[in-house]
Amino acid sequence: MRPVYLLDTNVISEAAKLKPNFSVLRNLAKNEGLCAICSTVWQESVYGYERLPDGKRKNMVRNCLQSIKETYDIIPYDGFASEICGEIRARCEEKGRPIPYDDCQIAATAIANGMILVTHNVEDYAALQENSMLKVEDWWE
């Protein structure tokens, strides 16, 4: 079955927290096999891990990242997504709502693959939703 949900960085980092949000964990379990991450989210996650000081927390995050890599497909940021990214980023800037490049890449990957972006940072993607076909869900309650 093809993934339906593209998980933002804050969703997968929730699993590495000492006290993760129960609603997020419940939704991940409920939608097992229907979720994926994109290469931009993977890059952000690896970057965050590499910046941690050595210790228990870094070991826990490393184990979490290994589990994520084994559990979820990593969808590439490809030519089609980059075209979408350029178009909607320009549209947002034209309307006075500039978007961070990483967020635009993540949104464009979701759009290019017909997926719903799952994030807790809904406001960060509001301008992208207004200027594209991006669909967003927040699994925090």
C-alpha atoms as a PDB file:
ATOM      1  CA  MET A   1       0.000   0.000   0.000  1.00  0.00           C
ATOM      2  CA  ARG A   2       1.239   3.472  -0.901  1.00  0.00           C
ATOM      3  CA  PRO A   3       1.938   5.900   1.979  1.00  0.00           C
ATOM      4  CA  VAL A   4      -0.765   8.482   2.613  1.00  0.00           C
ATOM      5  CA  TYR A   5       0.907  10.586   5.293  1.00  0.00           C
ATOM      6  CA  LEU A   6       4.207  12.455   5.081  1.00  0.00           C
ATOM      7  CA  LEU A   7       5.575  13.015   8.577  1.00  0.00           C
ATOM      8  CA  ASP A   8       7.231  16.316   9.446  1.00  0.00           C
ATOM      9  CA  THR A   9      10.375  16.382  11.579  1.00  0.00           C
ATOM     10  CA  ASN A  10       8.469  17.266  14.741  1.00  0.00           C
ATOM     11  CA  VAL A  11       6.358  14.112  14.395  1.00  0.00           C
ATOM     12  CA  ILE A  12       9.266  11.701  14.195  1.00  0.00           C
ATOM     13  CA  SER A  13      11.213  13.555  16.890  1.00  0.00           C
ATOM     14  CA  GLU A  14       8.244  13.030  19.214  1.00  0.00           C
ATOM     15  CA  ALA A  15       9.178   9.339  19.453  1.00  0.00           C
ATOM     16  CA  ALA A  16      12.624  10.284  20.816  1.00  0.00           C
ATOM     17  CA  LYS A  17      11.189  12.296  23.713  1.00  0.00           C
ATOM     18  CA  LEU A  18      11.146  10.976  27.263  1.00  0.00           C
ATOM     19  CA  LYS A  19       7.428  11.849  27.479  1.00  0.00           C
ATOM     20  CA  PRO A  20       6.057  11.680  23.925  1.00  0.00           C
ATOM     21  CA  ASN A  21       2.586  12.907  23.080  1.00  0.00           C
ATOM     22  CA  PHE A  22       0.225   9.945  23.413  1.00  0.00           C
ATOM     23  CA  SER A  23      -2.047  11.137  20.609  1.00  0.00           C
ATOM     24  CA  VAL A  24       0.868  11.241  18.165  1.00  0.00           C
ATOM     25  CA  LEU A  25       1.981   7.723  19.140  1.00  0.00           C
ATOM     26  CA  ARG A  26      -1.605   6.452  18.852  1.00  0.00           C
ATOM     27  CA  ASN A  27      -1.987   7.957  15.365  1.00  0.00           C
ATOM     28  CA  LEU A  28       1.356   6.527  14.232  1.00  0.00           C
ATOM     29  CA  ALA A  29       0.262   3.070  15.392  1.00  0.00           C
ATOM     30  CA  LYS A  30      -3.205   3.475  13.845  1.00  0.00           C
ATOM     31  CA  ASN A  31      -1.683   4.474  10.505  1.00  0.00           C
ATOM     32  CA  GLU A  32       1.132   1.938  10.473  1.00  0.00           C
ATOM     33  CA  GLY A  33       2.205   1.261   6.903  1.00  0.00           C
ATOM     34  CA  LEU A  34       0.567   4.476   5.655  1.00  0.00           C
ATOM     35  CA  CYS A  35       3.303   6.894   6.740  1.00  0.00           C
ATOM     36  CA  ALA A  36       6.608   7.959   5.208  1.00  0.00           C
ATOM     37  CA  ILE A  37       9.184  10.693   5.650  1.00  0.00           C
ATOM     38  CA  CYS A  38      10.960  12.705   2.990  1.00  0.00           C
ATOM     39  CA  SER A  39      14.656  13.185   2.410  1.00  0.00           C
ATOM     40  CA  THR A  40      14.472  16.732   3.813  1.00  0.00           C
ATOM     41  CA  VAL A  41      12.992  15.485   7.105  1.00  0.00           C
ATOM     42  CA  TRP A  42      15.621  12.743   7.246  1.00  0.00           C
ATOM     43  CA  GLN A  43      18.374  15.347   6.703  1.00  0.00           C
ATOM     44  CA  GLU A  44      16.969  17.584   9.463  1.00  0.00           C
ATOM     45  CA  SER A  45      16.802  14.599  11.827  1.00  0.00           C
ATOM     46  CA  VAL A  46      20.364  13.448  11.131  1.00  0.00           C
ATOM     47  CA  TYR A  47      21.604  17.030  11.517  1.00  0.00           C
ATOM     48  CA  GLY A  48      19.869  17.317  14.897  1.00  0.00           C
ATOM     49  CA  TYR A  49      21.383  14.024  16.016  1.00  0.00           C
ATOM     50  CA  GLU A  50      24.898  14.983  14.909  1.00  0.00           C
ATOM     51  CA  ARG A  51      24.730  18.199  16.931  1.00  0.00           C
ATOM     52  CA  LEU A  52      23.945  16.399  20.206  1.00  0.00           C
ATOM     53  CA  PRO A  53      26.739  15.917  22.734  1.00  0.00           C
ATOM     54  CA  ASP A  54      27.800  12.319  23.345  1.00  0.00           C
ATOM     55  CA  GLY A  55      25.810  10.592  26.056  1.00  0.00           C
ATOM     56  CA  LYS A  56      22.609   8.717  26.877  1.00  0.00           C
ATOM     57  CA  ARG A  57      20.357  11.124  24.990  1.00  0.00           C
ATOM     58  CA  LYS A  58      22.422  10.862  21.806  1.00  0.00           C
ATOM     59  CA  ASN A  59      22.398   7.058  22.059  1.00  0.00           C
ATOM     60  CA  MET A  60      18.614   7.074  22.494  1.00  0.00           C
ATOM     61  CA  VAL A  61      18.169   9.361  19.482  1.00  0.00           C
ATOM     62  CA  ARG A  62      20.518   7.199  17.384  1.00  0.00           C
ATOM     63  CA  ASN A  63      18.408   4.127  18.202  1.00  0.00           C
ATOM     64  CA  CYS A  64      15.241   6.059  17.393  1.00  0.00           C
ATOM     65  CA  LEU A  65      16.659   7.202  14.025  1.00  0.00           C
ATOM     66  CA  GLN A  66      17.650   3.632  13.188  1.00  0.00           C
ATOM     67  CA  SER A  67      14.108   2.492  13.953  1.00  0.00           C
ATOM     68  CA  ILE A  68      12.643   5.304  11.826  1.00  0.00           C
ATOM     69  CA  LYS A  69      14.905   4.396   8.910  1.00  0.00           C
ATOM     70  CA  GLU A  70      13.787   0.763   9.145  1.00  0.00           C
ATOM     71  CA  THR A  71      10.094   1.625   9.582  1.00  0.00           C
ATOM     72  CA  TYR A  72       9.394   4.411   7.095  1.00  0.00           C
ATOM     73  CA  ASP A  73      10.118   4.885   3.417  1.00  0.00           C
ATOM     74  CA  ILE A  74      12.254   7.942   2.739  1.00  0.00           C
ATOM     75  CA  ILE A  75      10.748   9.742  -0.229  1.00  0.00           C
ATOM     76  CA  PRO A  76      13.270  11.709  -2.305  1.00  0.00           C
ATOM     77  CA  TYR A  77      13.008  15.389  -3.092  1.00  0.00           C
ATOM     78  CA  ASP A  78      12.940  15.028  -6.877  1.00  0.00           C
ATOM     79  CA  GLY A  79      12.545  17.154  -9.995  1.00  0.00           C
ATOM     80  CA  PHE A  80       8.746  17.252  -9.806  1.00  0.00           C
ATOM     81  CA  ALA A  81       8.798  18.300  -6.134  1.00  0.00           C
ATOM     82  CA  SER A  82      11.458  20.942  -6.845  1.00  0.00           C
ATOM     83  CA  GLU A  83       9.288  22.457  -9.583  1.00  0.00           C
ATOM     84  CA  ILE A  84       6.319  22.600  -7.205  1.00  0.00           C
ATOM     85  CA  CYS A  85       8.561  24.081  -4.503  1.00  0.00           C
ATOM     86  CA  GLY A  86       9.768  26.854  -6.799  1.00  0.00           C
ATOM     87  CA  GLU A  87       6.237  27.719  -7.898  1.00  0.00           C
ATOM     88  CA  ILE A  88       4.614  27.877  -4.467  1.00  0.00           C
ATOM     89  CA  ARG A  89       7.597  29.541  -2.817  1.00  0.00           C
ATOM     90  CA  ALA A  90       7.453  32.321  -5.427  1.00  0.00           C
ATOM     91  CA  ARG A  91       3.671  32.614  -4.966  1.00  0.00           C
ATOM     92  CA  CYS A  92       4.059  32.954  -1.197  1.00  0.00           C
ATOM     93  CA  GLU A  93       6.805  35.574  -1.516  1.00  0.00           C
ATOM     94  CA  GLU A  94       4.718  37.493  -4.051  1.00  0.00           C
ATOM     95  CA  LYS A  95       1.957  37.697  -1.441  1.00  0.00           C
ATOM     96  CA  GLY A  96       4.382  38.867   1.259  1.00  0.00           C
ATOM     97  CA  ARG A  97       4.570  35.520   3.066  1.00  0.00           C
ATOM     98  CA  PRO A  98       8.096  34.130   2.514  1.00  0.00           C
ATOM     99  CA  ILE A  99       8.582  30.481   3.445  1.00  0.00           C
ATOM    100  CA  PRO A 100      11.714  28.756   4.795  1.00  0.00           C
ATOM    101  CA  TYR A 101      13.258  26.605   2.081  1.00  0.00           C
ATOM    102  CA  ASP A 102      13.170  23.364   4.116  1.00  0.00           C
ATOM    103  CA  ASP A 103       9.459  23.759   4.896  1.00  0.00           C
ATOM    104  CA  CYS A 104       8.736  24.416   1.241  1.00  0.00           C
ATOM    105  CA  GLN A 105      10.686  21.294   0.208  1.00  0.00           C
ATOM    106  CA  ILE A 106       8.720  19.164   2.683  1.00  0.00           C
ATOM    107  CA  ALA A 107       5.391  20.610   1.531  1.00  0.00           C
ATOM    108  CA  ALA A 108       6.303  20.186  -2.146  1.00  0.00           C
ATOM    109  CA  THR A 109       7.280  16.557  -1.572  1.00  0.00           C
ATOM    110  CA  ALA A 110       3.874  15.942   0.029  1.00  0.00           C
ATOM    111  CA  ILE A 111       2.064  17.640  -2.868  1.00  0.00           C
ATOM    112  CA  ALA A 112       4.141  15.873  -5.544  1.00  0.00           C
ATOM    113  CA  ASN A 113       3.304  12.499  -4.017  1.00  0.00           C
ATOM    114  CA  GLY A 114      -0.354  13.215  -3.256  1.00  0.00           C
ATOM    115  CA  MET A 115       0.211  12.920   0.492  1.00  0.00           C
ATOM    116  CA  ILE A 116      -1.111  14.654   3.598  1.00  0.00           C
ATOM    117  CA  LEU A 117       1.566  16.422   5.630  1.00  0.00           C
ATOM    118  CA  VAL A 118       1.396  15.628   9.344  1.00  0.00           C
ATOM    119  CA  THR A 119       2.893  18.358  11.544  1.00  0.00           C
ATOM    120  CA  HIS A 120       2.354  20.171  14.807  1.00  0.00           C
ATOM    121  CA  ASN A 121       3.638  23.362  13.155  1.00  0.00           C
ATOM    122  CA  VAL A 122       0.426  23.988  11.251  1.00  0.00           C
ATOM    123  CA  GLU A 123       0.936  27.757  11.239  1.00  0.00           C
ATOM    124  CA  ASP A 124       4.339  27.327   9.546  1.00  0.00           C
ATOM    125  CA  TYR A 125       2.553  25.759   6.582  1.00  0.00           C
ATOM    126  CA  ALA A 126      -0.487  28.081   6.454  1.00  0.00           C
ATOM    127  CA  ALA A 127       0.825  30.237   3.590  1.00  0.00           C
ATOM    128  CA  LEU A 128       1.752  27.113   1.652  1.00  0.00           C
ATOM    129  CA  GLN A 129      -1.767  25.741   2.110  1.00  0.00           C
ATOM    130  CA  GLU A 130      -3.265  29.030   0.934  1.00  0.00           C
ATOM    131  CA  ASN A 131      -1.134  28.991  -2.218  1.00  0.00           C
ATOM    132  CA  SER A 132      -1.165  25.319  -3.178  1.00  0.00           C
ATOM    133  CA  MET A 133      -3.008  22.035  -2.843  1.00  0.00           C
ATOM    134  CA  LEU A 134      -1.163  21.125   0.381  1.00  0.00           C
ATOM    135  CA  LYS A 135      -3.238  19.180   2.910  1.00  0.00           C
ATOM    136  CA  VAL A 136      -2.116  19.271   6.564  1.00  0.00           C
ATOM    137  CA  GLU A 137      -3.111  17.357   9.685  1.00  0.00           C
ATOM    138  CA  ASP A 138      -2.068  17.893  13.300  1.00  0.00           C
ATOM    139  CA  TRP A 139      -2.038  14.668  15.341  1.00  0.00           C
ATOM    140  CA  TRP A 140      -1.514  16.418  18.688  1.00  0.00           C
ATOM    141  CA  GLU A 141      -4.577  16.692  20.904  1.00  0.00           C
END
